[in-house]
Amino acid sequence: MNREPEGTSAEPSTPWGRIACLWAATFAGLHFYWAVGGDVGLSISAGPLATERPLWFVVAGLWGVGALCLLGTLLAWLLASSRLRGVPALPARWLGWGVSALLLVRGIGIEVLLLTNTTHLDASVSGEQRAWTLALWNPWFIAGGLAFGLATLRSSRHADAEPPPSSRS
């Protein structure tokens, strides 16, 4: 019987899964902070919506995105789990790849659009908002996309390399 004390060796996907989990939890917390009235950083992220705060923006853009980030936290935790096998593993990995792709496309795509000025930004996007988006927000999305992608990749490799569970009596 092979019993290894818990915590003596990290699973290959654990560090990236934990980083993705922390990323999503931090982003959720930031959105909930904004949803309850906090404003630090919101004006450079959302522009005029930050001061107007229409109901749809608070409900969908702040509470809704915060809730999605909490689901992302759960997904990252599942990807980091060494017990992710069988039928639940496939949807979790598909979701992991989807979240990774969405975050990377958002981060890199907006970065490219802003750097090349192909969108010919109108007056609703201030210079300060553009600078913060380039320097902070887009790299944040890219980091999250990489963390989810690496957690998913490592989770897949770990499951493929592991022998099937043996039956014990």
C-alpha atoms as a PDB file:
ATOM      1  CA  MET A   1       0.000   0.000   0.000  1.00  0.00           C
ATOM      2  CA  ASN A   2       1.491   3.300  -1.072  1.00  0.00           C
ATOM      3  CA  ARG A   3       0.518   6.083   1.276  1.00  0.00           C
ATOM      4  CA  GLU A   4       2.253   9.372   0.754  1.00  0.00           C
ATOM      5  CA  PRO A   5       1.667  12.105   3.323  1.00  0.00           C
ATOM      6  CA  GLU A   6      -0.565  14.834   2.011  1.00  0.00           C
ATOM      7  CA  GLY A   7       1.231  17.897   0.719  1.00  0.00           C
ATOM      8  CA  THR A   8       4.583  16.221   0.064  1.00  0.00           C
ATOM      9  CA  SER A   9       4.434  16.555  -3.689  1.00  0.00           C
ATOM     10  CA  ALA A  10       2.465  19.013  -5.730  1.00  0.00           C
ATOM     11  CA  GLU A  11       0.493  17.764  -8.699  1.00  0.00           C
ATOM     12  CA  PRO A  12       1.745  19.171 -12.007  1.00  0.00           C
ATOM     13  CA  SER A  13      -1.373  21.316 -12.561  1.00  0.00           C
ATOM     14  CA  THR A  14      -1.625  22.571  -8.993  1.00  0.00           C
ATOM     15  CA  PRO A  15       0.561  25.719  -9.206  1.00  0.00           C
ATOM     16  CA  TRP A  16      -1.087  26.985 -12.401  1.00  0.00           C
ATOM     17  CA  GLY A  17      -4.530  26.047 -11.144  1.00  0.00           C
ATOM     18  CA  ARG A  18      -3.882  27.951  -7.923  1.00  0.00           C
ATOM     19  CA  ILE A  19      -2.632  30.972  -9.853  1.00  0.00           C
ATOM     20  CA  ALA A  20      -5.735  30.886 -12.083  1.00  0.00           C
ATOM     21  CA  CYS A  21      -7.901  30.486  -8.970  1.00  0.00           C
ATOM     22  CA  LEU A  22      -6.260  33.489  -7.313  1.00  0.00           C
ATOM     23  CA  TRP A  23      -6.562  35.499 -10.528  1.00  0.00           C
ATOM     24  CA  ALA A  24     -10.312  34.809 -10.823  1.00  0.00           C
ATOM     25  CA  ALA A  25     -10.972  35.399  -7.106  1.00  0.00           C
ATOM     26  CA  THR A  26      -9.114  38.719  -7.207  1.00  0.00           C
ATOM     27  CA  PHE A  27     -11.027  39.833 -10.281  1.00  0.00           C
ATOM     28  CA  ALA A  28     -14.336  38.770  -8.651  1.00  0.00           C
ATOM     29  CA  GLY A  29     -13.487  40.702  -5.497  1.00  0.00           C
ATOM     30  CA  LEU A  30     -12.651  43.806  -7.510  1.00  0.00           C
ATOM     31  CA  HIS A  31     -15.977  43.655  -9.363  1.00  0.00           C
ATOM     32  CA  PHE A  32     -17.946  43.129  -6.146  1.00  0.00           C
ATOM     33  CA  TYR A  33     -16.104  46.075  -4.586  1.00  0.00           C
ATOM     34  CA  TRP A  34     -17.153  48.218  -7.539  1.00  0.00           C
ATOM     35  CA  ALA A  35     -20.711  46.829  -7.438  1.00  0.00           C
ATOM     36  CA  VAL A  36     -21.237  47.945  -3.824  1.00  0.00           C
ATOM     37  CA  GLY A  37     -20.058  51.471  -4.616  1.00  0.00           C
ATOM     38  CA  GLY A  38     -16.265  51.357  -4.620  1.00  0.00           C
ATOM     39  CA  ASP A  39     -14.687  53.532  -7.253  1.00  0.00           C
ATOM     40  CA  VAL A  40     -10.913  53.095  -7.051  1.00  0.00           C
ATOM     41  CA  GLY A  41      -9.805  52.044 -10.521  1.00  0.00           C
ATOM     42  CA  LEU A  42     -13.280  51.893 -12.011  1.00  0.00           C
ATOM     43  CA  SER A  43     -13.135  55.215 -13.844  1.00  0.00           C
ATOM     44  CA  ILE A  44      -9.968  54.189 -15.677  1.00  0.00           C
ATOM     45  CA  SER A  45     -11.549  50.853 -16.522  1.00  0.00           C
ATOM     46  CA  ALA A  46     -15.109  51.765 -17.472  1.00  0.00           C
ATOM     47  CA  GLY A  47     -14.845  55.442 -18.365  1.00  0.00           C
ATOM     48  CA  PRO A  48     -18.133  57.384 -18.261  1.00  0.00           C
ATOM     49  CA  LEU A  49     -20.083  54.328 -17.071  1.00  0.00           C
ATOM     50  CA  ALA A  50     -18.175  54.568 -13.791  1.00  0.00           C
ATOM     51  CA  THR A  51     -19.726  57.921 -12.947  1.00  0.00           C
ATOM     52  CA  GLU A  52     -23.173  57.257 -14.410  1.00  0.00           C
ATOM     53  CA  ARG A  53     -23.517  53.685 -13.072  1.00  0.00           C
ATOM     54  CA  PRO A  54     -26.670  52.737 -14.974  1.00  0.00           C
ATOM     55  CA  LEU A  55     -28.543  49.764 -13.480  1.00  0.00           C
ATOM     56  CA  TRP A  56     -27.694  47.435 -16.379  1.00  0.00           C
ATOM     57  CA  PHE A  57     -23.978  48.181 -15.894  1.00  0.00           C
ATOM     58  CA  VAL A  58     -24.072  47.483 -12.152  1.00  0.00           C
ATOM     59  CA  VAL A  59     -26.130  44.298 -12.541  1.00  0.00           C
ATOM     60  CA  ALA A  60     -24.476  42.779 -15.618  1.00  0.00           C
ATOM     61  CA  GLY A  61     -21.084  44.468 -15.744  1.00  0.00           C
ATOM     62  CA  LEU A  62     -20.214  44.382 -12.059  1.00  0.00           C
ATOM     63  CA  TRP A  63     -22.336  41.776 -10.207  1.00  0.00           C
ATOM     64  CA  GLY A  64     -22.592  39.543 -13.284  1.00  0.00           C
ATOM     65  CA  VAL A  65     -18.901  39.589 -14.133  1.00  0.00           C
ATOM     66  CA  GLY A  66     -18.082  39.073 -10.443  1.00  0.00           C
ATOM     67  CA  ALA A  67     -20.321  35.988 -10.376  1.00  0.00           C
ATOM     68  CA  LEU A  68     -18.706  34.641 -13.546  1.00  0.00           C
ATOM     69  CA  CYS A  69     -15.307  35.163 -11.952  1.00  0.00           C
ATOM     70  CA  LEU A  70     -16.435  33.133  -8.929  1.00  0.00           C
ATOM     71  CA  LEU A  71     -17.365  30.332 -11.333  1.00  0.00           C
ATOM     72  CA  GLY A  72     -13.902  30.757 -12.867  1.00  0.00           C
ATOM     73  CA  THR A  73     -12.438  30.349  -9.386  1.00  0.00           C
ATOM     74  CA  LEU A  74     -14.287  27.041  -9.039  1.00  0.00           C
ATOM     75  CA  LEU A  75     -13.145  25.933 -12.493  1.00  0.00           C
ATOM     76  CA  ALA A  76      -9.511  26.749 -11.697  1.00  0.00           C
ATOM     77  CA  TRP A  77      -9.794  24.847  -8.425  1.00  0.00           C
ATOM     78  CA  LEU A  78     -11.155  21.829 -10.336  1.00  0.00           C
ATOM     79  CA  LEU A  79      -8.326  22.048 -12.860  1.00  0.00           C
ATOM     80  CA  ALA A  80      -5.817  22.051 -10.012  1.00  0.00           C
ATOM     81  CA  SER A  81      -7.465  19.024  -8.416  1.00  0.00           C
ATOM     82  CA  SER A  82      -5.647  15.736  -8.795  1.00  0.00           C
ATOM     83  CA  ARG A  83      -9.006  13.964  -8.730  1.00  0.00           C
ATOM     84  CA  LEU A  84     -10.256  15.460 -11.985  1.00  0.00           C
ATOM     85  CA  ARG A  85     -10.841  12.355 -14.109  1.00  0.00           C
ATOM     86  CA  GLY A  86     -13.492  10.712 -16.227  1.00  0.00           C
ATOM     87  CA  VAL A  87     -16.630  12.408 -17.447  1.00  0.00           C
ATOM     88  CA  PRO A  88     -16.335  15.628 -15.329  1.00  0.00           C
ATOM     89  CA  ALA A  89     -12.769  16.152 -16.553  1.00  0.00           C
ATOM     90  CA  LEU A  90     -13.720  16.674 -20.200  1.00  0.00           C
ATOM     91  CA  PRO A  91     -16.179  19.585 -19.696  1.00  0.00           C
ATOM     92  CA  ALA A  92     -13.833  21.158 -17.137  1.00  0.00           C
ATOM     93  CA  ARG A  93     -10.970  21.063 -19.617  1.00  0.00           C
ATOM     94  CA  TRP A  94     -13.115  22.408 -22.448  1.00  0.00           C
ATOM     95  CA  LEU A  95     -14.212  25.243 -20.189  1.00  0.00           C
ATOM     96  CA  GLY A  96     -10.598  25.801 -19.144  1.00  0.00           C
ATOM     97  CA  TRP A  97      -9.503  26.110 -22.774  1.00  0.00           C
ATOM     98  CA  GLY A  98     -12.490  28.355 -23.524  1.00  0.00           C
ATOM     99  CA  VAL A  99     -11.767  30.700 -20.615  1.00  0.00           C
ATOM    100  CA  SER A 100      -8.105  30.794 -21.590  1.00  0.00           C
ATOM    101  CA  ALA A 101      -8.919  31.635 -25.205  1.00  0.00           C
ATOM    102  CA  LEU A 102     -11.494  34.271 -24.254  1.00  0.00           C
ATOM    103  CA  LEU A 103      -9.102  36.047 -21.872  1.00  0.00           C
ATOM    104  CA  LEU A 104      -6.189  35.894 -24.298  1.00  0.00           C
ATOM    105  CA  VAL A 105      -8.240  37.143 -27.250  1.00  0.00           C
ATOM    106  CA  ARG A 106      -9.660  39.950 -25.122  1.00  0.00           C
ATOM    107  CA  GLY A 107      -6.288  40.976 -23.696  1.00  0.00           C
ATOM    108  CA  ILE A 108      -4.204  40.679 -26.854  1.00  0.00           C
ATOM    109  CA  GLY A 109      -6.956  41.882 -29.192  1.00  0.00           C
ATOM    110  CA  ILE A 110      -7.671  45.095 -27.292  1.00  0.00           C
ATOM    111  CA  GLU A 111      -3.928  45.674 -26.845  1.00  0.00           C
ATOM    112  CA  VAL A 112      -3.356  45.413 -30.593  1.00  0.00           C
ATOM    113  CA  LEU A 113      -6.357  47.628 -31.378  1.00  0.00           C
ATOM    114  CA  LEU A 114      -5.158  50.317 -28.976  1.00  0.00           C
ATOM    115  CA  LEU A 115      -1.525  50.166 -30.067  1.00  0.00           C
ATOM    116  CA  THR A 116      -2.348  50.346 -33.776  1.00  0.00           C
ATOM    117  CA  ASN A 117      -5.208  52.831 -33.269  1.00  0.00           C
ATOM    118  CA  THR A 118      -7.272  50.923 -35.845  1.00  0.00           C
ATOM    119  CA  THR A 119     -10.438  51.748 -33.927  1.00  0.00           C
ATOM    120  CA  HIS A 120      -9.931  55.529 -34.192  1.00  0.00           C
ATOM    121  CA  LEU A 121     -11.013  56.006 -30.610  1.00  0.00           C
ATOM    122  CA  ASP A 122     -13.649  58.602 -30.034  1.00  0.00           C
ATOM    123  CA  ALA A 123     -13.751  61.142 -27.229  1.00  0.00           C
ATOM    124  CA  SER A 124     -15.433  58.677 -24.826  1.00  0.00           C
ATOM    125  CA  VAL A 125     -12.074  56.956 -24.232  1.00  0.00           C
ATOM    126  CA  SER A 126      -9.705  59.270 -22.409  1.00  0.00           C
ATOM    127  CA  GLY A 127      -5.944  59.193 -22.748  1.00  0.00           C
ATOM    128  CA  GLU A 128      -5.682  58.071 -19.128  1.00  0.00           C
ATOM    129  CA  GLN A 129      -8.137  55.230 -19.724  1.00  0.00           C
ATOM    130  CA  ARG A 130      -6.194  54.128 -22.795  1.00  0.00           C
ATOM    131  CA  ALA A 131      -2.863  54.203 -20.924  1.00  0.00           C
ATOM    132  CA  TRP A 132      -4.217  52.174 -17.980  1.00  0.00           C
ATOM    133  CA  THR A 133      -5.825  49.685 -20.345  1.00  0.00           C
ATOM    134  CA  LEU A 134      -2.512  49.176 -22.136  1.00  0.00           C
ATOM    135  CA  ALA A 135      -0.398  49.040 -18.971  1.00  0.00           C
ATOM    136  CA  LEU A 136      -2.644  47.224 -16.483  1.00  0.00           C
ATOM    137  CA  TRP A 137      -5.944  45.791 -17.666  1.00  0.00           C
ATOM    138  CA  ASN A 138      -4.865  44.003 -20.851  1.00  0.00           C
ATOM    139  CA  PRO A 139      -1.757  42.437 -19.279  1.00  0.00           C
ATOM    140  CA  TRP A 140      -4.055  41.314 -16.444  1.00  0.00           C
ATOM    141  CA  PHE A 141      -6.338  39.526 -18.941  1.00  0.00           C
ATOM    142  CA  ILE A 142      -3.334  38.001 -20.714  1.00  0.00           C
ATOM    143  CA  ALA A 143      -1.932  36.720 -17.392  1.00  0.00           C
ATOM    144  CA  GLY A 144      -5.305  35.159 -16.532  1.00  0.00           C
ATOM    145  CA  GLY A 145      -5.562  33.558 -19.964  1.00  0.00           C
ATOM    146  CA  LEU A 146      -2.089  32.071 -19.641  1.00  0.00           C
ATOM    147  CA  ALA A 147      -2.801  30.791 -16.123  1.00  0.00           C
ATOM    148  CA  PHE A 148      -6.046  29.079 -17.195  1.00  0.00           C
ATOM    149  CA  GLY A 149      -4.388  27.662 -20.311  1.00  0.00           C
ATOM    150  CA  LEU A 150      -1.411  26.266 -18.415  1.00  0.00           C
ATOM    151  CA  ALA A 151      -3.659  24.855 -15.676  1.00  0.00           C
ATOM    152  CA  THR A 152      -5.775  23.122 -18.323  1.00  0.00           C
ATOM    153  CA  LEU A 153      -2.746  21.845 -20.219  1.00  0.00           C
ATOM    154  CA  ARG A 154      -1.084  20.501 -17.087  1.00  0.00           C
ATOM    155  CA  SER A 155      -4.352  18.967 -15.925  1.00  0.00           C
ATOM    156  CA  SER A 156      -4.684  17.107 -19.246  1.00  0.00           C
ATOM    157  CA  ARG A 157      -1.091  15.911 -19.223  1.00  0.00           C
ATOM    158  CA  HIS A 158      -1.343  14.753 -15.628  1.00  0.00           C
ATOM    159  CA  ALA A 159      -4.473  12.691 -16.325  1.00  0.00           C
ATOM    160  CA  ASP A 160      -2.962  11.172 -19.492  1.00  0.00           C
ATOM    161  CA  ALA A 161       0.274  10.171 -17.744  1.00  0.00           C
ATOM    162  CA  GLU A 162      -1.388   8.648 -14.716  1.00  0.00           C
ATOM    163  CA  PRO A 163      -2.135   4.906 -14.714  1.00  0.00           C
ATOM    164  CA  PRO A 164      -5.771   3.897 -14.299  1.00  0.00           C
ATOM    165  CA  PRO A 165      -6.868   3.474 -10.680  1.00  0.00           C
ATOM    166  CA  SER A 166      -6.504  -0.094  -9.449  1.00  0.00           C
ATOM    167  CA  SER A 167      -9.225  -1.855  -7.529  1.00  0.00           C
ATOM    168  CA  ARG A 168      -8.391  -2.458  -3.905  1.00  0.00           C
ATOM    169  CA  SER A 169     -10.201  -4.730  -1.558  1.00  0.00           C
END
